[in-house]
Amino acid sequence: MSVLSDKWITKMVKKHKMIYPFVPKQKRKGKISYGLSSYGYDARVSSDFKIFTNVNSAVVDPKNFKKDGFVSKKSKVCIIPPNSFVLATTIEYFKIPDNVIVICLGKSTYARCGIIVNVTPLEPGWEGHVTLEFSNTTPLPAKIYANEGAAQFVFIKGNEKPQTTYSQRKGKYMKQKGVTLPKI
C-alpha cells in the first residue's frame, strides 16, 4: 500500500476524470487553500448548507432521520451555531478507482479554530459529491467559507483490487449529488 502523488492524481484526472472540476495547483491567495497538493487534493465546499437546529425538538436517529432537524441555506458564508454542526458538499465530483481508498482530513485552518471536518473514507469504486460534516466544537458561532478549501483527500493504493467494490455492491450513497442525509 502506498500514498499516491500529485503526478498519479493528475494522470488519473486526465485519463478517467477522477476529480471534476479539477484545480491542478494549490490556490490560496486570500482564501483557504484548495487544489492539488503533493500527496492529495484539497476539495472546496459548495454554497449549499444544511444547518442543524433543535427548533423542532428533533431526535437525531440515523435509522429514522427527519429532515426537519436542518435548515437549508445557500450562501457564500455559513455560520455554525455553537456546539452544533453543518452538512455541506464538495464542489468536486469524485470517481474512485477500484484499487484505491481515499481518506479525508480536515484543513488545519479550520481545525485551529475548533472546527472539525468529518468524512468517512471514499471506498474503491465509489463516485459522487462528498457530503462534508463541519462540527463547531466552540461555545461561539463559527464561519465556513463556500468555494474555498474544506478538506484534504489522500489517495491510497491497495495491494490488490478488492473482491467487491462499492459500485458492485450498489452502495446507498453511490453517485450522490448535493448534501445527502443519512439513509438506511
N, C-alpha and C. Protein backbone atom coordinates (compact mmCIF):
# COMPACT_ATOMS: atom_id res chain seq x y z
N MET A 1 0.84 -1.18 0.00
CA MET A 1 0.00 0.00 0.00
C MET A 1 0.88 1.24 0.00
N SER A 2 0.48 2.23 -0.79
CA SER A 2 1.24 3.46 -0.80
C SER A 2 0.33 4.67 -1.03
N VAL A 3 0.77 5.81 -0.48
CA VAL A 3 0.07 7.07 -0.70
C VAL A 3 0.47 7.56 -2.09
N LEU A 4 -0.52 8.02 -2.85
CA LEU A 4 -0.29 8.38 -4.25
C LEU A 4 -0.01 9.87 -4.42
N SER A 5 0.89 10.18 -5.34
CA SER A 5 1.42 11.54 -5.51
C SER A 5 0.56 12.41 -6.42
N ASP A 6 0.95 13.67 -6.49
CA ASP A 6 0.31 14.64 -7.39
C ASP A 6 0.40 14.18 -8.85
N LYS A 7 1.50 13.53 -9.22
CA LYS A 7 1.66 13.02 -10.60
C LYS A 7 0.60 11.96 -10.90
N TRP A 8 0.39 11.03 -9.97
CA TRP A 8 -0.60 9.99 -10.17
C TRP A 8 -2.02 10.59 -10.23
N ILE A 9 -2.31 11.51 -9.31
CA ILE A 9 -3.64 12.16 -9.28
C ILE A 9 -3.91 12.85 -10.61
N THR A 10 -2.94 13.61 -11.11
CA THR A 10 -3.09 14.33 -12.39
C THR A 10 -3.33 13.35 -13.53
N LYS A 11 -2.57 12.26 -13.55
CA LYS A 11 -2.73 11.25 -14.60
C LYS A 11 -4.15 10.65 -14.57
N MET A 12 -4.64 10.35 -13.37
CA MET A 12 -5.98 9.76 -13.24
C MET A 12 -7.09 10.76 -13.60
N VAL A 13 -6.86 12.02 -13.33
CA VAL A 13 -7.83 13.05 -13.71
C VAL A 13 -7.92 13.13 -15.23
N LYS A 14 -6.75 13.13 -15.90
CA LYS A 14 -6.72 13.22 -17.37
C LYS A 14 -7.32 11.97 -18.02
N LYS A 15 -7.00 10.80 -17.45
CA LYS A 15 -7.42 9.53 -18.03
C LYS A 15 -8.87 9.15 -17.72
N HIS A 16 -9.31 9.42 -16.47
CA HIS A 16 -10.60 8.90 -16.00
C HIS A 16 -11.53 9.95 -15.38
N LYS A 17 -11.14 11.25 -15.47
CA LYS A 17 -11.95 12.31 -14.82
C LYS A 17 -12.23 11.96 -13.36
N MET A 18 -11.19 11.56 -12.65
CA MET A 18 -11.32 11.13 -11.26
C MET A 18 -11.84 12.26 -10.36
N ILE A 19 -11.48 13.50 -10.65
CA ILE A 19 -11.94 14.67 -9.90
C ILE A 19 -12.40 15.71 -10.92
N TYR A 20 -13.64 16.18 -10.75
CA TYR A 20 -14.15 17.20 -11.67
C TYR A 20 -15.04 18.19 -10.92
N PRO A 21 -14.84 19.50 -11.05
CA PRO A 21 -13.74 20.15 -11.74
C PRO A 21 -12.43 19.97 -10.95
N PHE A 22 -11.34 20.01 -11.66
CA PHE A 22 -10.01 19.76 -11.09
C PHE A 22 -9.19 21.04 -11.14
N VAL A 23 -8.56 21.38 -10.01
CA VAL A 23 -7.67 22.54 -9.93
C VAL A 23 -6.25 21.98 -9.81
N PRO A 24 -5.41 22.16 -10.87
CA PRO A 24 -4.11 21.49 -10.93
C PRO A 24 -3.01 22.06 -10.03
N LYS A 25 -3.25 23.18 -9.38
CA LYS A 25 -2.26 23.77 -8.46
C LYS A 25 -2.99 24.33 -7.25
N GLN A 26 -2.28 24.39 -6.13
CA GLN A 26 -2.86 24.97 -4.92
C GLN A 26 -3.20 26.44 -5.15
N LYS A 27 -4.41 26.82 -4.79
CA LYS A 27 -4.85 28.22 -4.84
C LYS A 27 -5.03 28.65 -3.40
N ARG A 28 -4.49 29.83 -3.05
CA ARG A 28 -4.60 30.23 -1.65
C ARG A 28 -4.69 31.72 -1.42
N LYS A 29 -4.37 32.56 -2.35
CA LYS A 29 -4.30 33.99 -2.11
C LYS A 29 -5.61 34.54 -1.51
N GLY A 30 -5.58 34.84 -0.21
CA GLY A 30 -6.75 35.38 0.47
C GLY A 30 -7.86 34.36 0.71
N LYS A 31 -7.60 33.09 0.44
CA LYS A 31 -8.61 32.04 0.61
C LYS A 31 -8.02 30.87 1.39
N ILE A 32 -8.89 30.02 1.89
CA ILE A 32 -8.43 28.77 2.50
C ILE A 32 -8.06 27.87 1.32
N SER A 33 -6.82 27.40 1.29
CA SER A 33 -6.25 26.76 0.10
C SER A 33 -7.07 25.56 -0.39
N TYR A 34 -6.99 25.38 -1.72
CA TYR A 34 -7.66 24.25 -2.37
C TYR A 34 -6.88 23.89 -3.63
N GLY A 35 -7.14 22.70 -4.15
CA GLY A 35 -6.46 22.23 -5.36
C GLY A 35 -5.47 21.13 -5.05
N LEU A 36 -4.69 20.77 -6.07
CA LEU A 36 -3.73 19.68 -5.99
C LEU A 36 -2.57 20.02 -5.06
N SER A 37 -2.25 19.08 -4.15
CA SER A 37 -1.07 19.23 -3.30
C SER A 37 -0.12 18.07 -3.60
N SER A 38 0.98 17.98 -2.90
CA SER A 38 1.99 16.96 -3.18
C SER A 38 1.45 15.53 -3.13
N TYR A 39 0.69 15.23 -2.10
CA TYR A 39 0.15 13.88 -1.92
C TYR A 39 -1.34 13.92 -1.58
N GLY A 40 -2.08 14.72 -2.29
CA GLY A 40 -3.52 14.77 -2.04
C GLY A 40 -4.18 15.86 -2.85
N TYR A 41 -5.46 16.03 -2.57
CA TYR A 41 -6.24 17.06 -3.24
C TYR A 41 -7.12 17.74 -2.20
N ASP A 42 -7.03 19.07 -2.14
CA ASP A 42 -7.83 19.85 -1.20
C ASP A 42 -9.10 20.29 -1.92
N ALA A 43 -10.23 19.69 -1.53
CA ALA A 43 -11.51 19.97 -2.16
C ALA A 43 -12.16 21.20 -1.54
N ARG A 44 -13.04 21.81 -2.32
CA ARG A 44 -13.78 23.00 -1.88
C ARG A 44 -15.18 22.62 -1.41
N VAL A 45 -15.69 23.44 -0.52
CA VAL A 45 -17.07 23.27 -0.05
C VAL A 45 -17.98 24.14 -0.92
N SER A 46 -19.13 23.59 -1.30
CA SER A 46 -20.08 24.34 -2.13
C SER A 46 -20.83 25.37 -1.26
N SER A 47 -21.75 26.08 -1.85
CA SER A 47 -22.52 27.10 -1.14
C SER A 47 -23.84 26.57 -0.60
N ASP A 48 -24.08 25.27 -0.68
CA ASP A 48 -25.30 24.67 -0.14
C ASP A 48 -25.01 24.07 1.23
N PHE A 49 -25.74 24.56 2.22
CA PHE A 49 -25.52 24.12 3.60
C PHE A 49 -26.82 23.64 4.24
N LYS A 50 -26.70 22.67 5.12
CA LYS A 50 -27.82 22.24 5.96
C LYS A 50 -27.34 22.41 7.40
N ILE A 51 -27.93 23.38 8.09
CA ILE A 51 -27.52 23.75 9.44
C ILE A 51 -28.41 23.00 10.44
N PHE A 52 -27.78 22.28 11.34
CA PHE A 52 -28.53 21.54 12.35
C PHE A 52 -29.17 22.52 13.33
N THR A 53 -30.43 22.26 13.63
CA THR A 53 -31.15 23.10 14.58
C THR A 53 -32.05 22.22 15.43
N ASN A 54 -32.31 22.65 16.63
CA ASN A 54 -33.21 21.90 17.50
C ASN A 54 -34.54 22.64 17.65
N VAL A 55 -34.84 23.48 16.68
CA VAL A 55 -36.06 24.29 16.75
C VAL A 55 -37.32 23.42 16.78
N ASN A 56 -37.28 22.25 16.19
CA ASN A 56 -38.44 21.34 16.18
C ASN A 56 -38.31 20.21 17.20
N SER A 57 -37.38 20.34 18.13
CA SER A 57 -37.13 19.32 19.15
C SER A 57 -36.95 17.93 18.54
N ALA A 58 -36.22 17.88 17.46
CA ALA A 58 -35.98 16.61 16.76
C ALA A 58 -35.02 15.74 17.56
N VAL A 59 -35.16 14.45 17.39
CA VAL A 59 -34.23 13.47 17.95
C VAL A 59 -33.36 13.00 16.79
N VAL A 60 -32.06 12.98 16.99
CA VAL A 60 -31.16 12.52 15.94
C VAL A 60 -31.14 11.00 15.97
N ASP A 61 -31.73 10.40 14.93
CA ASP A 61 -31.85 8.95 14.85
C ASP A 61 -31.40 8.52 13.45
N PRO A 62 -30.22 7.89 13.32
CA PRO A 62 -29.73 7.52 12.00
C PRO A 62 -30.63 6.52 11.28
N LYS A 63 -31.47 5.77 12.01
CA LYS A 63 -32.38 4.82 11.37
C LYS A 63 -33.71 5.45 10.97
N ASN A 64 -34.01 6.61 11.52
CA ASN A 64 -35.26 7.30 11.22
C ASN A 64 -34.97 8.80 11.21
N PHE A 65 -34.15 9.19 10.26
CA PHE A 65 -33.67 10.59 10.24
C PHE A 65 -34.72 11.51 9.67
N LYS A 66 -35.01 12.58 10.39
CA LYS A 66 -36.01 13.54 9.96
C LYS A 66 -35.33 14.82 9.45
N LYS A 67 -35.74 15.23 8.28
CA LYS A 67 -35.14 16.41 7.64
C LYS A 67 -35.41 17.70 8.40
N ASP A 68 -36.44 17.72 9.25
CA ASP A 68 -36.79 18.98 9.93
C ASP A 68 -35.79 19.36 11.02
N GLY A 69 -34.76 18.55 11.20
CA GLY A 69 -33.67 18.91 12.12
C GLY A 69 -32.67 19.86 11.48
N PHE A 70 -32.87 20.19 10.20
CA PHE A 70 -31.95 21.07 9.47
C PHE A 70 -32.68 22.26 8.85
N VAL A 71 -31.94 23.33 8.72
CA VAL A 71 -32.38 24.48 7.96
C VAL A 71 -31.45 24.57 6.76
N SER A 72 -32.01 24.61 5.55
CA SER A 72 -31.20 24.71 4.33
C SER A 72 -30.87 26.16 4.03
N LYS A 73 -29.64 26.38 3.56
CA LYS A 73 -29.19 27.74 3.24
C LYS A 73 -28.22 27.68 2.08
N LYS A 74 -28.35 28.62 1.14
CA LYS A 74 -27.39 28.76 0.05
C LYS A 74 -26.74 30.12 0.27
N SER A 75 -25.41 30.11 0.48
CA SER A 75 -24.73 31.35 0.85
C SER A 75 -23.23 31.24 0.63
N LYS A 76 -22.55 32.39 0.55
CA LYS A 76 -21.09 32.42 0.43
C LYS A 76 -20.42 32.11 1.76
N VAL A 77 -21.17 32.33 2.85
CA VAL A 77 -20.65 32.07 4.20
C VAL A 77 -21.74 31.36 4.98
N CYS A 78 -21.36 30.40 5.80
CA CYS A 78 -22.32 29.71 6.67
C CYS A 78 -21.85 29.86 8.11
N ILE A 79 -22.76 30.26 8.98
CA ILE A 79 -22.45 30.36 10.40
C ILE A 79 -22.95 29.09 11.09
N ILE A 80 -22.03 28.39 11.74
CA ILE A 80 -22.38 27.19 12.51
C ILE A 80 -22.65 27.63 13.94
N PRO A 81 -23.83 27.32 14.47
CA PRO A 81 -24.11 27.67 15.86
C PRO A 81 -23.10 27.01 16.81
N PRO A 82 -22.93 27.57 18.01
CA PRO A 82 -22.03 26.96 18.99
C PRO A 82 -22.40 25.51 19.28
N ASN A 83 -21.41 24.67 19.43
CA ASN A 83 -21.60 23.26 19.77
C ASN A 83 -22.62 22.57 18.85
N SER A 84 -22.58 22.88 17.59
CA SER A 84 -23.51 22.31 16.62
C SER A 84 -22.74 21.87 15.38
N PHE A 85 -23.46 21.56 14.31
CA PHE A 85 -22.79 21.14 13.08
C PHE A 85 -23.59 21.53 11.86
N VAL A 86 -22.91 21.45 10.72
CA VAL A 86 -23.49 21.77 9.42
C VAL A 86 -23.09 20.66 8.45
N LEU A 87 -24.01 20.29 7.57
CA LEU A 87 -23.67 19.40 6.47
C LEU A 87 -23.53 20.24 5.21
N ALA A 88 -22.58 19.88 4.39
CA ALA A 88 -22.34 20.58 3.13
C ALA A 88 -21.85 19.54 2.13
N THR A 89 -21.46 19.99 0.96
CA THR A 89 -20.97 19.08 -0.06
C THR A 89 -19.78 19.69 -0.78
N THR A 90 -18.98 18.84 -1.37
CA THR A 90 -17.85 19.34 -2.16
C THR A 90 -18.35 19.88 -3.49
N ILE A 91 -17.61 20.83 -4.03
CA ILE A 91 -17.84 21.29 -5.40
C ILE A 91 -17.42 20.17 -6.34
N GLU A 92 -16.33 19.51 -6.01
CA GLU A 92 -15.75 18.47 -6.85
C GLU A 92 -16.56 17.17 -6.79
N TYR A 93 -16.64 16.52 -7.93
CA TYR A 93 -17.25 15.19 -8.05
C TYR A 93 -16.09 14.21 -8.18
N PHE A 94 -16.10 13.14 -7.38
CA PHE A 94 -15.01 12.18 -7.35
C PHE A 94 -15.45 10.85 -7.96
N LYS A 95 -14.52 10.18 -8.68
CA LYS A 95 -14.70 8.82 -9.18
C LYS A 95 -13.49 8.03 -8.71
N ILE A 96 -13.68 7.18 -7.72
CA ILE A 96 -12.56 6.48 -7.10
C ILE A 96 -12.27 5.17 -7.83
N PRO A 97 -11.00 4.96 -8.24
CA PRO A 97 -10.62 3.71 -8.91
C PRO A 97 -10.88 2.50 -8.01
N ASP A 98 -11.01 1.35 -8.63
CA ASP A 98 -11.34 0.12 -7.91
C ASP A 98 -10.25 -0.39 -6.97
N ASN A 99 -9.03 0.08 -7.12
CA ASN A 99 -7.93 -0.40 -6.27
C ASN A 99 -7.41 0.68 -5.31
N VAL A 100 -8.23 1.71 -5.08
CA VAL A 100 -7.81 2.85 -4.26
C VAL A 100 -8.86 3.15 -3.20
N ILE A 101 -8.41 3.55 -2.01
CA ILE A 101 -9.29 4.07 -0.97
C ILE A 101 -8.81 5.49 -0.67
N VAL A 102 -9.74 6.37 -0.32
CA VAL A 102 -9.40 7.77 -0.09
C VAL A 102 -9.78 8.14 1.33
N ILE A 103 -8.83 8.70 2.05
CA ILE A 103 -9.03 9.16 3.41
C ILE A 103 -9.12 10.68 3.38
N CYS A 104 -10.05 11.23 4.14
CA CYS A 104 -10.24 12.68 4.17
C CYS A 104 -9.83 13.23 5.53
N LEU A 105 -9.10 14.33 5.49
CA LEU A 105 -8.65 15.01 6.71
C LEU A 105 -9.04 16.48 6.62
N GLY A 106 -9.44 17.05 7.74
CA GLY A 106 -9.84 18.46 7.76
C GLY A 106 -8.66 19.39 7.53
N LYS A 107 -8.98 20.59 7.06
CA LYS A 107 -7.95 21.61 6.85
C LYS A 107 -7.48 22.15 8.21
N SER A 108 -6.18 22.39 8.33
CA SER A 108 -5.63 22.88 9.60
C SER A 108 -6.17 24.27 9.95
N THR A 109 -6.48 25.07 8.95
CA THR A 109 -7.03 26.41 9.22
C THR A 109 -8.33 26.30 10.03
N TYR A 110 -9.20 25.38 9.64
CA TYR A 110 -10.44 25.18 10.38
C TYR A 110 -10.17 24.50 11.72
N ALA A 111 -9.32 23.48 11.74
CA ALA A 111 -9.03 22.75 12.98
C ALA A 111 -8.50 23.68 14.06
N ARG A 112 -7.69 24.66 13.68
CA ARG A 112 -7.12 25.61 14.65
C ARG A 112 -8.15 26.58 15.19
N CYS A 113 -9.34 26.56 14.59
CA CYS A 113 -10.45 27.40 15.06
C CYS A 113 -11.50 26.56 15.79
N GLY A 114 -11.22 25.28 16.02
CA GLY A 114 -12.17 24.42 16.71
C GLY A 114 -13.26 23.86 15.81
N ILE A 115 -13.03 23.93 14.48
CA ILE A 115 -13.99 23.41 13.51
C ILE A 115 -13.42 22.10 12.96
N ILE A 116 -14.14 21.03 13.18
CA ILE A 116 -13.68 19.71 12.77
C ILE A 116 -14.46 19.29 11.52
N VAL A 117 -13.74 18.76 10.52
CA VAL A 117 -14.37 18.25 9.31
C VAL A 117 -14.33 16.73 9.38
N ASN A 118 -15.48 16.10 9.15
CA ASN A 118 -15.54 14.65 9.20
C ASN A 118 -16.12 14.12 7.89
N VAL A 119 -15.45 13.12 7.35
CA VAL A 119 -15.90 12.41 6.15
C VAL A 119 -15.46 10.97 6.31
N THR A 120 -16.33 10.03 5.98
CA THR A 120 -15.91 8.63 6.00
C THR A 120 -15.06 8.37 4.76
N PRO A 121 -14.27 7.30 4.75
CA PRO A 121 -13.42 7.02 3.58
C PRO A 121 -14.24 6.89 2.30
N LEU A 122 -13.63 7.30 1.18
CA LEU A 122 -14.24 7.09 -0.13
C LEU A 122 -13.74 5.72 -0.58
N GLU A 123 -14.65 4.80 -0.70
CA GLU A 123 -14.29 3.41 -0.95
C GLU A 123 -13.99 3.14 -2.42
N PRO A 124 -13.26 2.05 -2.69
CA PRO A 124 -12.97 1.67 -4.08
C PRO A 124 -14.27 1.55 -4.89
N GLY A 125 -14.29 2.22 -6.04
CA GLY A 125 -15.44 2.16 -6.92
C GLY A 125 -16.55 3.15 -6.63
N TRP A 126 -16.40 3.94 -5.55
CA TRP A 126 -17.43 4.94 -5.21
C TRP A 126 -17.29 6.15 -6.12
N GLU A 127 -18.41 6.83 -6.39
CA GLU A 127 -18.35 8.12 -7.05
C GLU A 127 -19.49 9.00 -6.58
N GLY A 128 -19.23 10.31 -6.62
CA GLY A 128 -20.25 11.28 -6.24
C GLY A 128 -19.63 12.54 -5.66
N HIS A 129 -20.51 13.47 -5.27
CA HIS A 129 -20.09 14.63 -4.49
C HIS A 129 -19.97 14.15 -3.05
N VAL A 130 -18.99 14.62 -2.33
CA VAL A 130 -18.75 14.17 -0.96
C VAL A 130 -19.54 15.04 0.00
N THR A 131 -20.34 14.40 0.87
CA THR A 131 -21.02 15.14 1.92
C THR A 131 -20.02 15.36 3.05
N LEU A 132 -19.89 16.62 3.45
CA LEU A 132 -18.95 17.02 4.49
C LEU A 132 -19.72 17.39 5.76
N GLU A 133 -19.18 17.03 6.91
CA GLU A 133 -19.77 17.46 8.17
C GLU A 133 -18.76 18.36 8.87
N PHE A 134 -19.20 19.58 9.18
CA PHE A 134 -18.39 20.54 9.92
C PHE A 134 -18.96 20.64 11.32
N SER A 135 -18.17 20.28 12.33
CA SER A 135 -18.60 20.40 13.73
C SER A 135 -17.94 21.61 14.35
N ASN A 136 -18.74 22.44 14.98
CA ASN A 136 -18.22 23.59 15.71
C ASN A 136 -18.10 23.17 17.17
N THR A 137 -16.88 22.94 17.62
CA THR A 137 -16.64 22.47 18.99
C THR A 137 -16.53 23.62 19.99
N THR A 138 -16.69 24.84 19.52
CA THR A 138 -16.50 26.00 20.39
C THR A 138 -17.84 26.50 20.96
N PRO A 139 -17.79 27.32 22.00
CA PRO A 139 -19.02 27.91 22.54
C PRO A 139 -19.44 29.18 21.77
N LEU A 140 -18.78 29.46 20.65
CA LEU A 140 -19.06 30.65 19.85
C LEU A 140 -19.52 30.25 18.44
N PRO A 141 -20.25 31.12 17.74
CA PRO A 141 -20.57 30.84 16.34
C PRO A 141 -19.28 30.76 15.51
N ALA A 142 -19.29 29.95 14.46
CA ALA A 142 -18.10 29.76 13.62
C ALA A 142 -18.49 29.85 12.15
N LYS A 143 -17.58 30.38 11.31
CA LYS A 143 -17.85 30.58 9.89
C LYS A 143 -17.19 29.51 9.02
N ILE A 144 -17.93 29.13 7.96
CA ILE A 144 -17.40 28.28 6.89
C ILE A 144 -17.54 29.10 5.61
N TYR A 145 -16.51 29.07 4.77
CA TYR A 145 -16.49 29.86 3.55
C TYR A 145 -16.70 28.98 2.32
N ALA A 146 -17.79 29.23 1.59
CA ALA A 146 -18.08 28.48 0.37
C ALA A 146 -17.04 28.80 -0.70
N ASN A 147 -16.82 27.84 -1.59
CA ASN A 147 -15.88 27.95 -2.71
C ASN A 147 -14.42 28.08 -2.27
N GLU A 148 -14.15 27.65 -1.04
CA GLU A 148 -12.77 27.63 -0.53
C GLU A 148 -12.48 26.23 -0.01
N GLY A 149 -11.20 25.99 0.33
CA GLY A 149 -10.78 24.67 0.79
C GLY A 149 -11.54 24.22 2.02
N ALA A 150 -11.87 22.93 2.06
CA ALA A 150 -12.61 22.36 3.19
C ALA A 150 -11.87 21.19 3.82
N ALA A 151 -11.30 20.32 2.97
CA ALA A 151 -10.69 19.10 3.46
C ALA A 151 -9.71 18.56 2.43
N GLN A 152 -8.69 17.83 2.92
CA GLN A 152 -7.72 17.21 2.02
C GLN A 152 -8.04 15.73 1.87
N PHE A 153 -8.04 15.28 0.62
CA PHE A 153 -8.29 13.89 0.29
C PHE A 153 -6.96 13.23 -0.08
N VAL A 154 -6.64 12.14 0.62
CA VAL A 154 -5.39 11.41 0.42
C VAL A 154 -5.73 10.06 -0.21
N PHE A 155 -5.09 9.76 -1.33
CA PHE A 155 -5.36 8.57 -2.12
C PHE A 155 -4.35 7.47 -1.77
N ILE A 156 -4.87 6.30 -1.41
CA ILE A 156 -4.02 5.18 -1.00
C ILE A 156 -4.34 3.98 -1.89
N LYS A 157 -3.29 3.47 -2.55
CA LYS A 157 -3.47 2.30 -3.42
C LYS A 157 -3.39 1.04 -2.58
N GLY A 158 -4.37 0.16 -2.77
CA GLY A 158 -4.39 -1.12 -2.07
C GLY A 158 -3.42 -2.11 -2.70
N ASN A 159 -3.13 -3.18 -2.00
CA ASN A 159 -2.21 -4.19 -2.53
C ASN A 159 -2.82 -4.99 -3.68
N GLU A 160 -4.16 -4.95 -3.81
CA GLU A 160 -4.86 -5.58 -4.93
C GLU A 160 -6.28 -5.03 -4.97
N LYS A 161 -6.97 -5.29 -6.05
CA LYS A 161 -8.37 -4.87 -6.18
C LYS A 161 -9.20 -5.70 -5.21
N PRO A 162 -10.16 -5.08 -4.48
CA PRO A 162 -10.97 -5.85 -3.55
C PRO A 162 -11.91 -6.81 -4.29
N GLN A 163 -12.39 -7.79 -3.57
CA GLN A 163 -13.31 -8.75 -4.16
C GLN A 163 -14.60 -8.06 -4.63
N THR A 164 -15.09 -7.10 -3.84
CA THR A 164 -16.32 -6.39 -4.18
C THR A 164 -16.10 -4.89 -3.95
N THR A 165 -16.32 -4.09 -4.97
CA THR A 165 -16.19 -2.63 -4.84
C THR A 165 -17.52 -2.03 -4.39
N TYR A 166 -17.47 -0.77 -4.01
CA TYR A 166 -18.68 -0.06 -3.58
C TYR A 166 -19.73 -0.05 -4.69
N SER A 167 -19.31 0.18 -5.93
CA SER A 167 -20.26 0.21 -7.04
C SER A 167 -20.86 -1.17 -7.30
N GLN A 168 -20.07 -2.22 -7.15
CA GLN A 168 -20.57 -3.58 -7.38
C GLN A 168 -21.63 -3.99 -6.35
N ARG A 169 -21.46 -3.51 -5.11
CA ARG A 169 -22.47 -3.86 -4.10
C ARG A 169 -23.61 -2.85 -4.05
N LYS A 170 -23.58 -1.90 -5.01
CA LYS A 170 -24.64 -0.91 -5.15
C LYS A 170 -24.88 -0.16 -3.85
N GLY A 171 -23.80 0.44 -3.33
CA GLY A 171 -23.85 1.20 -2.08
C GLY A 171 -24.89 2.33 -2.14
N LYS A 172 -25.49 2.61 -1.00
CA LYS A 172 -26.62 3.56 -0.95
C LYS A 172 -26.24 5.01 -1.21
N TYR A 173 -24.97 5.35 -1.14
CA TYR A 173 -24.55 6.73 -1.40
C TYR A 173 -23.85 6.86 -2.76
N MET A 174 -24.00 5.86 -3.62
CA MET A 174 -23.37 5.88 -4.93
C MET A 174 -23.96 7.00 -5.79
N LYS A 175 -23.08 7.78 -6.43
CA LYS A 175 -23.44 8.86 -7.35
C LYS A 175 -24.29 9.95 -6.70
N GLN A 176 -24.07 10.17 -5.40
CA GLN A 176 -24.84 11.21 -4.72
C GLN A 176 -24.47 12.59 -5.25
N LYS A 177 -25.45 13.46 -5.26
CA LYS A 177 -25.26 14.85 -5.68
C LYS A 177 -25.83 15.74 -4.59
N GLY A 178 -25.13 16.81 -4.28
CA GLY A 178 -25.60 17.71 -3.24
C GLY A 178 -25.45 17.10 -1.86
N VAL A 179 -25.95 17.82 -0.86
CA VAL A 179 -25.87 17.35 0.53
C VAL A 179 -26.80 16.15 0.67
N THR A 180 -26.25 15.03 1.09
CA THR A 180 -27.03 13.80 1.22
C THR A 180 -27.18 13.44 2.69
N LEU A 181 -28.42 13.32 3.13
CA LEU A 181 -28.71 12.99 4.53
C LEU A 181 -28.58 11.48 4.74
N PRO A 182 -28.56 11.02 6.01
CA PRO A 182 -28.41 9.59 6.30
C PRO A 182 -29.52 8.75 5.66
N LYS A 183 -29.13 7.55 5.20
CA LYS A 183 -30.07 6.59 4.61
C LYS A 183 -29.88 5.25 5.29
N ILE A 184 -30.92 4.45 5.26
CA ILE A 184 -30.83 3.06 5.75
C ILE A 184 -31.03 2.14 4.55
